[in-house]
């Protein structure tokens, strides 16, 4: 039984390693990340002022907003999305491992 569990754990580790390092998996993750990043960045978030700002202040705030959206936000969002996608794949592999362990336990005859 212990040998079977070791084998299942080894297969889980291999699956996780291949998900994170295999060229095809990396390409799939990258494509999914770029798609999700685009979808997130397409959402328009609005802010409103409690008091109406003067024209100079509004222009500066608008410049900061545009710079943040175009330069700062995309790489940050992409890294967050990549981390989320990789973790989702790990959780899926872990669920499969748990199912296989439970199947193994339920198929073993009870020994007294």
C-alpha atoms as a PDB file:
ATOM      1  CA  UNK A   1       0.000   0.000   0.000  1.00  0.00           C
ATOM      2  CA  UNK A   2       2.767   2.418   0.926  1.00  0.00           C
ATOM      3  CA  UNK A   3       4.484   1.739  -2.408  1.00  0.00           C
ATOM      4  CA  UNK A   4       1.268   2.567  -4.269  1.00  0.00           C
ATOM      5  CA  UNK A   5       0.960   5.855  -2.389  1.00  0.00           C
ATOM      6  CA  UNK A   6       4.574   6.703  -3.205  1.00  0.00           C
ATOM      7  CA  UNK A   7       3.854   6.008  -6.860  1.00  0.00           C
ATOM      8  CA  UNK A   8       0.726   8.196  -6.835  1.00  0.00           C
ATOM      9  CA  UNK A   9       2.620  11.030  -5.123  1.00  0.00           C
ATOM     10  CA  UNK A  10       5.434  10.719  -7.656  1.00  0.00           C
ATOM     11  CA  UNK A  11       2.932  10.919 -10.522  1.00  0.00           C
ATOM     12  CA  UNK A  12       1.394  14.028  -8.937  1.00  0.00           C
ATOM     13  CA  UNK A  13       4.802  15.694  -8.654  1.00  0.00           C
ATOM     14  CA  UNK A  14       5.569  14.828 -12.284  1.00  0.00           C
ATOM     15  CA  UNK A  15       2.260  16.274 -13.432  1.00  0.00           C
ATOM     16  CA  UNK A  16       2.846  19.507 -11.515  1.00  0.00           C
ATOM     17  CA  UNK A  17       6.398  19.764 -12.858  1.00  0.00           C
ATOM     18  CA  UNK A  18       5.239  19.217 -16.438  1.00  0.00           C
ATOM     19  CA  UNK A  19       2.427  21.755 -16.017  1.00  0.00           C
ATOM     20  CA  UNK A  20       4.929  24.391 -14.934  1.00  0.00           C
ATOM     21  CA  UNK A  21       7.927  23.540 -17.143  1.00  0.00           C
ATOM     22  CA  UNK A  22       6.759  21.698 -20.266  1.00  0.00           C
ATOM     23  CA  UNK A  23       6.937  23.898 -23.369  1.00  0.00           C
ATOM     24  CA  UNK A  24       3.396  23.104 -24.498  1.00  0.00           C
ATOM     25  CA  UNK A  25       1.995  23.745 -21.005  1.00  0.00           C
ATOM     26  CA  UNK A  26       3.864  27.032 -20.756  1.00  0.00           C
ATOM     27  CA  UNK A  27       2.435  28.124 -24.102  1.00  0.00           C
ATOM     28  CA  UNK A  28      -1.089  27.173 -22.987  1.00  0.00           C
ATOM     29  CA  UNK A  29      -0.691  29.006 -19.683  1.00  0.00           C
ATOM     30  CA  UNK A  30       0.754  32.059 -21.430  1.00  0.00           C
ATOM     31  CA  UNK A  31      -2.132  32.154 -23.904  1.00  0.00           C
ATOM     32  CA  UNK A  32      -4.693  31.803 -21.151  1.00  0.00           C
ATOM     33  CA  UNK A  33      -2.939  34.480 -19.069  1.00  0.00           C
ATOM     34  CA  UNK A  34      -2.827  36.950 -21.951  1.00  0.00           C
ATOM     35  CA  UNK A  35      -6.502  36.359 -22.703  1.00  0.00           C
ATOM     36  CA  UNK A  36      -7.510  36.875 -19.063  1.00  0.00           C
ATOM     37  CA  UNK A  37      -5.228  39.911 -18.703  1.00  0.00           C
ATOM     38  CA  UNK A  38      -6.803  41.556 -21.744  1.00  0.00           C
ATOM     39  CA  UNK A  39     -10.272  40.882 -20.380  1.00  0.00           C
ATOM     40  CA  UNK A  40      -9.378  42.384 -17.007  1.00  0.00           C
ATOM     41  CA  UNK A  41      -7.730  45.461 -18.504  1.00  0.00           C
ATOM     42  CA  UNK A  42     -10.666  46.092 -20.859  1.00  0.00           C
ATOM     43  CA  UNK A  43     -12.906  46.720 -17.867  1.00  0.00           C
ATOM     44  CA  UNK A  44     -13.275  50.416 -17.385  1.00  0.00           C
ATOM     45  CA  UNK A  45     -12.988  51.556 -13.815  1.00  0.00           C
ATOM     46  CA  UNK A  46     -14.245  55.010 -13.058  1.00  0.00           C
ATOM     47  CA  UNK A  47     -13.576  57.321 -10.187  1.00  0.00           C
ATOM     48  CA  UNK A  48     -15.465  60.409  -9.262  1.00  0.00           C
ATOM     49  CA  UNK A  49     -14.486  63.408  -7.234  1.00  0.00           C
ATOM     50  CA  UNK A  50     -16.372  64.613  -4.203  1.00  0.00           C
ATOM     51  CA  UNK A  51     -15.568  68.146  -5.280  1.00  0.00           C
ATOM     52  CA  UNK A  52     -15.139  69.183  -8.890  1.00  0.00           C
ATOM     53  CA  UNK A  53     -11.362  69.642  -9.450  1.00  0.00           C
ATOM     54  CA  UNK A  54      -9.876  72.495 -11.393  1.00  0.00           C
ATOM     55  CA  UNK A  55      -8.722  71.840 -14.963  1.00  0.00           C
ATOM     56  CA  UNK A  56      -4.990  71.483 -14.137  1.00  0.00           C
ATOM     57  CA  UNK A  57      -5.601  68.978 -11.367  1.00  0.00           C
ATOM     58  CA  UNK A  58      -8.004  66.966 -13.526  1.00  0.00           C
ATOM     59  CA  UNK A  59      -5.431  66.833 -16.345  1.00  0.00           C
ATOM     60  CA  UNK A  60      -2.701  65.593 -13.983  1.00  0.00           C
ATOM     61  CA  UNK A  61      -4.994  62.942 -12.515  1.00  0.00           C
ATOM     62  CA  UNK A  62      -5.970  61.862 -16.030  1.00  0.00           C
ATOM     63  CA  UNK A  63      -2.282  61.575 -17.043  1.00  0.00           C
ATOM     64  CA  UNK A  64      -1.524  59.464 -13.950  1.00  0.00           C
ATOM     65  CA  UNK A  65      -4.545  57.276 -14.677  1.00  0.00           C
ATOM     66  CA  UNK A  66      -3.500  56.717 -18.310  1.00  0.00           C
ATOM     67  CA  UNK A  67       0.116  55.961 -17.361  1.00  0.00           C
ATOM     68  CA  UNK A  68      -0.992  53.477 -14.716  1.00  0.00           C
ATOM     69  CA  UNK A  69      -3.353  51.697 -17.115  1.00  0.00           C
ATOM     70  CA  UNK A  70      -0.887  51.515 -19.983  1.00  0.00           C
ATOM     71  CA  UNK A  71       2.496  51.038 -18.294  1.00  0.00           C
ATOM     72  CA  UNK A  72       2.190  49.848 -14.716  1.00  0.00           C
ATOM     73  CA  UNK A  73      -0.961  47.749 -14.557  1.00  0.00           C
ATOM     74  CA  UNK A  74      -0.526  45.249 -17.460  1.00  0.00           C
ATOM     75  CA  UNK A  75       2.616  43.447 -16.180  1.00  0.00           C
ATOM     76  CA  UNK A  76       1.281  43.366 -12.626  1.00  0.00           C
ATOM     77  CA  UNK A  77      -2.055  41.923 -13.712  1.00  0.00           C
ATOM     78  CA  UNK A  78      -0.314  39.412 -15.980  1.00  0.00           C
ATOM     79  CA  UNK A  79       1.859  38.137 -13.113  1.00  0.00           C
ATOM     80  CA  UNK A  80      -1.152  37.826 -10.829  1.00  0.00           C
ATOM     81  CA  UNK A  81      -3.148  35.986 -13.492  1.00  0.00           C
ATOM     82  CA  UNK A  82      -0.209  33.651 -14.260  1.00  0.00           C
ATOM     83  CA  UNK A  83       0.088  32.780 -10.576  1.00  0.00           C
ATOM     84  CA  UNK A  84      -3.644  32.109 -10.361  1.00  0.00           C
ATOM     85  CA  UNK A  85      -3.673  29.885 -13.465  1.00  0.00           C
ATOM     86  CA  UNK A  86      -0.691  27.854 -12.251  1.00  0.00           C
ATOM     87  CA  UNK A  87      -2.283  27.413  -8.819  1.00  0.00           C
ATOM     88  CA  UNK A  88      -5.562  26.312 -10.420  1.00  0.00           C
ATOM     89  CA  UNK A  89      -3.689  23.655 -12.379  1.00  0.00           C
ATOM     90  CA  UNK A  90      -1.927  22.499  -9.185  1.00  0.00           C
ATOM     91  CA  UNK A  91      -5.247  22.257  -7.346  1.00  0.00           C
ATOM     92  CA  UNK A  92      -6.729  20.243 -10.215  1.00  0.00           C
ATOM     93  CA  UNK A  93      -3.780  17.839 -10.059  1.00  0.00           C
ATOM     94  CA  UNK A  94      -4.149  17.622  -6.287  1.00  0.00           C
ATOM     95  CA  UNK A  95      -7.845  16.784  -6.612  1.00  0.00           C
ATOM     96  CA  UNK A  96      -6.953  13.999  -9.060  1.00  0.00           C
ATOM     97  CA  UNK A  97      -4.331  12.697  -6.608  1.00  0.00           C
ATOM     98  CA  UNK A  98      -6.859  12.692  -3.779  1.00  0.00           C
ATOM     99  CA  UNK A  99      -9.410  10.850  -5.918  1.00  0.00           C
ATOM    100  CA  UNK A 100      -6.842   8.234  -6.891  1.00  0.00           C
ATOM    101  CA  UNK A 101      -5.754   7.752  -3.266  1.00  0.00           C
ATOM    102  CA  UNK A 102      -9.360   7.342  -2.162  1.00  0.00           C
ATOM    103  CA  UNK A 103     -10.006   4.867  -4.980  1.00  0.00           C
ATOM    104  CA  UNK A 104      -6.926   2.935  -3.900  1.00  0.00           C
ATOM    105  CA  UNK A 105      -8.070   2.903  -0.283  1.00  0.00           C
ATOM    106  CA  UNK A 106     -11.557   1.758  -1.191  1.00  0.00           C
ATOM    107  CA  UNK A 107     -10.288  -1.033  -3.435  1.00  0.00           C
ATOM    108  CA  UNK A 108      -7.903  -2.512  -0.846  1.00  0.00           C
ATOM    109  CA  UNK A 109      -9.281  -5.493   1.070  1.00  0.00           C
ATOM    110  CA  UNK A 110      -9.539  -4.999   4.807  1.00  0.00           C
ATOM    111  CA  UNK A 111      -6.869  -6.973   6.674  1.00  0.00           C
ATOM    112  CA  UNK A 112      -7.313  -7.984  10.292  1.00  0.00           C
END
